[in-house]
Protein backbone atom coordinates (compact mmCIF):
# COMPACT_ATOMS: atom_id res chain seq x y z
CA UNK A 1 -21.93 109.91 -242.57
CA UNK A 2 -20.76 106.28 -242.48
CA UNK A 3 -18.53 106.94 -245.48
CA UNK A 4 -16.78 109.79 -243.63
CA UNK A 5 -16.17 107.66 -240.55
CA UNK A 6 -14.85 104.82 -242.71
CA UNK A 7 -12.61 107.26 -244.61
CA UNK A 8 -11.20 108.77 -241.39
CA UNK A 9 -10.54 105.33 -239.85
CA UNK A 10 -8.88 104.12 -243.04
CA UNK A 11 -6.76 107.29 -243.20
CA UNK A 12 -5.62 106.81 -239.57
CA UNK A 13 -4.74 103.15 -240.20
CA UNK A 14 -2.68 104.09 -243.27
CA UNK A 15 -0.81 106.88 -241.41
CA UNK A 16 -0.05 104.56 -238.46
CA UNK A 17 1.10 101.82 -240.84
CA UNK A 18 3.43 104.16 -242.72
CA UNK A 19 4.81 105.52 -239.43
CA UNK A 20 5.59 102.01 -238.18
CA UNK A 21 7.30 101.13 -241.49
CA UNK A 22 9.44 104.30 -241.37
CA UNK A 23 10.43 103.61 -237.74
CA UNK A 24 11.54 100.04 -238.41
CA UNK A 25 13.40 101.09 -241.57
CA UNK A 26 15.32 103.75 -239.62
CA UNK A 27 16.26 101.36 -236.77
CA UNK A 28 17.40 98.57 -239.12
CA UNK A 29 20.98 99.87 -239.77
CA UNK A 30 21.60 100.24 -236.01
CA UNK A 31 20.39 96.70 -235.37
CA UNK A 32 22.60 95.37 -238.20
CA UNK A 33 25.65 97.18 -236.78
CA UNK A 34 24.89 95.81 -233.32
CA UNK A 35 24.57 92.27 -234.65
CA UNK A 36 27.94 92.49 -236.47
CA UNK A 37 29.71 94.04 -233.47
CA UNK A 38 28.33 91.47 -231.02
CA UNK A 39 29.29 88.61 -233.35
CA UNK A 40 32.86 89.95 -233.56
CA UNK A 41 33.01 90.45 -229.79
CA UNK A 42 31.70 86.93 -229.15
CA UNK A 43 34.35 85.56 -231.49
CA UNK A 44 37.28 87.39 -229.88
CA UNK A 45 36.29 87.90 -226.21
CA UNK A 46 34.55 86.18 -223.33
CA UNK A 47 31.36 88.23 -223.81
CA UNK A 48 28.36 86.32 -222.52
CA UNK A 49 25.68 89.02 -222.17
CA UNK A 50 25.13 92.38 -223.86
CA UNK A 51 23.73 95.06 -221.57
CA UNK A 52 24.02 98.07 -223.89
CA UNK A 53 25.21 98.93 -227.39
CA UNK A 54 25.74 102.27 -229.07
CA UNK A 55 27.73 103.82 -231.88
CA UNK A 56 30.13 106.63 -231.00
CA UNK A 57 30.88 109.07 -233.81
CA UNK A 58 33.95 111.13 -232.97
CA UNK A 59 37.16 111.34 -234.96
CA UNK A 60 36.19 107.88 -236.18
CA UNK A 61 33.15 105.68 -235.71
CA UNK A 62 33.40 103.21 -232.84
CA UNK A 63 30.93 100.52 -231.75
CA UNK A 64 30.70 100.33 -227.96
CA UNK A 65 29.37 97.24 -226.19
CA UNK A 66 28.73 97.12 -222.46
CA UNK A 67 28.18 93.63 -221.16
CA UNK A 68 29.29 90.82 -218.92
CA UNK A 69 31.91 88.16 -219.44
CA UNK A 70 31.56 84.47 -218.64
CA UNK A 71 32.61 85.16 -215.00
CA UNK A 72 29.80 87.70 -214.63
CA UNK A 73 32.15 90.70 -214.51
CA UNK A 74 31.11 93.88 -216.30
CA UNK A 75 33.22 94.54 -219.39
CA UNK A 76 33.30 97.23 -222.04
CA UNK A 77 34.35 96.56 -225.62
CA UNK A 78 35.28 99.30 -228.10
CA UNK A 79 35.40 98.30 -231.78
CA UNK A 80 36.76 100.96 -234.18
CA UNK A 81 34.97 100.77 -237.52
CA UNK A 82 38.12 100.87 -239.67
CA UNK A 83 40.61 98.66 -237.82
CA UNK A 84 38.15 96.30 -236.08
CA UNK A 85 40.87 95.95 -233.40
CA UNK A 86 38.95 95.34 -230.18
CA UNK A 87 39.80 97.19 -226.98
CA UNK A 88 38.42 95.30 -223.99
CA UNK A 89 38.42 96.68 -220.43
CA UNK A 90 36.80 95.62 -217.20
CA UNK A 91 34.32 98.28 -216.12
CA UNK A 92 35.99 98.27 -212.70
CA UNK A 93 39.30 99.37 -214.29
CA UNK A 94 37.86 102.76 -215.23
CA UNK A 95 35.55 105.51 -214.14
CA UNK A 96 31.84 104.88 -213.75
CA UNK A 97 29.32 107.18 -215.41
CA UNK A 98 28.70 108.84 -212.03
CA UNK A 99 32.43 109.39 -211.43
CA UNK A 100 32.77 110.98 -214.88
CA UNK A 101 29.89 113.33 -214.10
CA UNK A 102 31.53 114.18 -210.76
CA UNK A 103 34.78 115.11 -212.61
CA UNK A 104 32.76 117.51 -214.77
CA UNK A 105 31.03 119.03 -211.73
CA UNK A 106 34.39 119.64 -210.05
CA UNK A 107 35.41 121.91 -212.91
CA UNK A 108 32.19 123.20 -214.50
CA UNK A 109 28.70 124.21 -213.44
CA UNK A 110 26.40 122.75 -216.11
CA UNK A 111 22.81 123.91 -216.36
CA UNK A 112 21.72 120.51 -217.73
CA UNK A 113 23.63 117.34 -218.61
CA UNK A 114 22.16 116.02 -221.85
CA UNK A 115 24.08 112.75 -222.26
CA UNK A 116 27.02 110.78 -220.90
CA UNK A 117 28.37 107.98 -223.05
CA UNK A 118 31.43 105.92 -223.72
CA UNK A 119 33.54 106.48 -226.81
CA UNK A 120 37.09 106.27 -228.08
CA UNK A 121 39.42 108.66 -229.89
CA UNK A 122 43.03 107.99 -230.92
CA UNK A 123 42.75 104.53 -229.27
CA UNK A 124 41.95 106.11 -225.88
CA UNK A 125 38.69 104.94 -224.25
CA UNK A 126 36.80 107.94 -222.92
CA UNK A 127 33.62 109.36 -221.50
CA UNK A 128 31.89 112.04 -223.57
CA UNK A 129 29.68 114.38 -221.54
CA UNK A 130 27.35 116.60 -223.54
CA UNK A 131 25.81 119.44 -221.50
CA UNK A 132 24.32 122.91 -221.66
CA UNK A 133 25.87 125.80 -219.77
CA UNK A 134 24.01 128.55 -217.89
CA UNK A 135 23.77 130.68 -221.04
CA UNK A 136 22.21 127.62 -222.79
CA UNK A 137 25.24 126.97 -224.99
CA UNK A 138 26.27 123.43 -226.01
CA UNK A 139 29.46 121.97 -224.47
CA UNK A 140 31.35 118.69 -224.73
CA UNK A 141 33.74 117.43 -222.06
CA UNK A 142 35.92 114.38 -222.73
CA UNK A 143 37.40 112.37 -219.83
CA UNK A 144 39.90 109.50 -220.06
CA UNK A 145 38.06 106.31 -219.03
CA UNK A 146 40.99 104.91 -217.06
CA UNK A 147 42.77 107.92 -215.53
CA UNK A 148 39.92 110.38 -215.15
CA UNK A 149 41.97 113.16 -216.72
CA UNK A 150 40.24 115.50 -219.12
CA UNK A 151 41.28 114.96 -222.71
CA UNK A 152 39.57 117.87 -224.44
CA UNK A 153 36.75 120.35 -224.12
CA UNK A 154 34.54 121.86 -226.77
CA UNK A 155 32.76 124.81 -225.28
CA UNK A 156 30.15 127.44 -226.09
CA UNK A 157 28.72 126.15 -229.35
């Protein structure tokens, strides 16, 4: 009986260990991309604190950093993967996440909003809203970060 208990405990430890290794291996590329993007932003902007980082994959891959500058103002930095030409905007110069959602609600009636995130396409900073409609179909709604105008819609996928 002791052998079975030992075997089960050892099996659980091995499975947990492998799971942890797989998790850290899968997160490593994202952390490396974040480190490179933040280093570039620190070199070329007044970034003093990173609040959020994500990678936007649209027409091209863009690293997006939300943070604060040395004055404490919220800034957003878009770094296209190919050109590495930074686009820096004060958060106050564009729509907030809530305002972007409100723009969607003025035009559509989503069943559930899945995600709202910053991105950039054709050098235009934007909000991408991913939601499900009443018939449970996938929809994307793209809003210009600065003007609030819709740029494109992908509906009923």
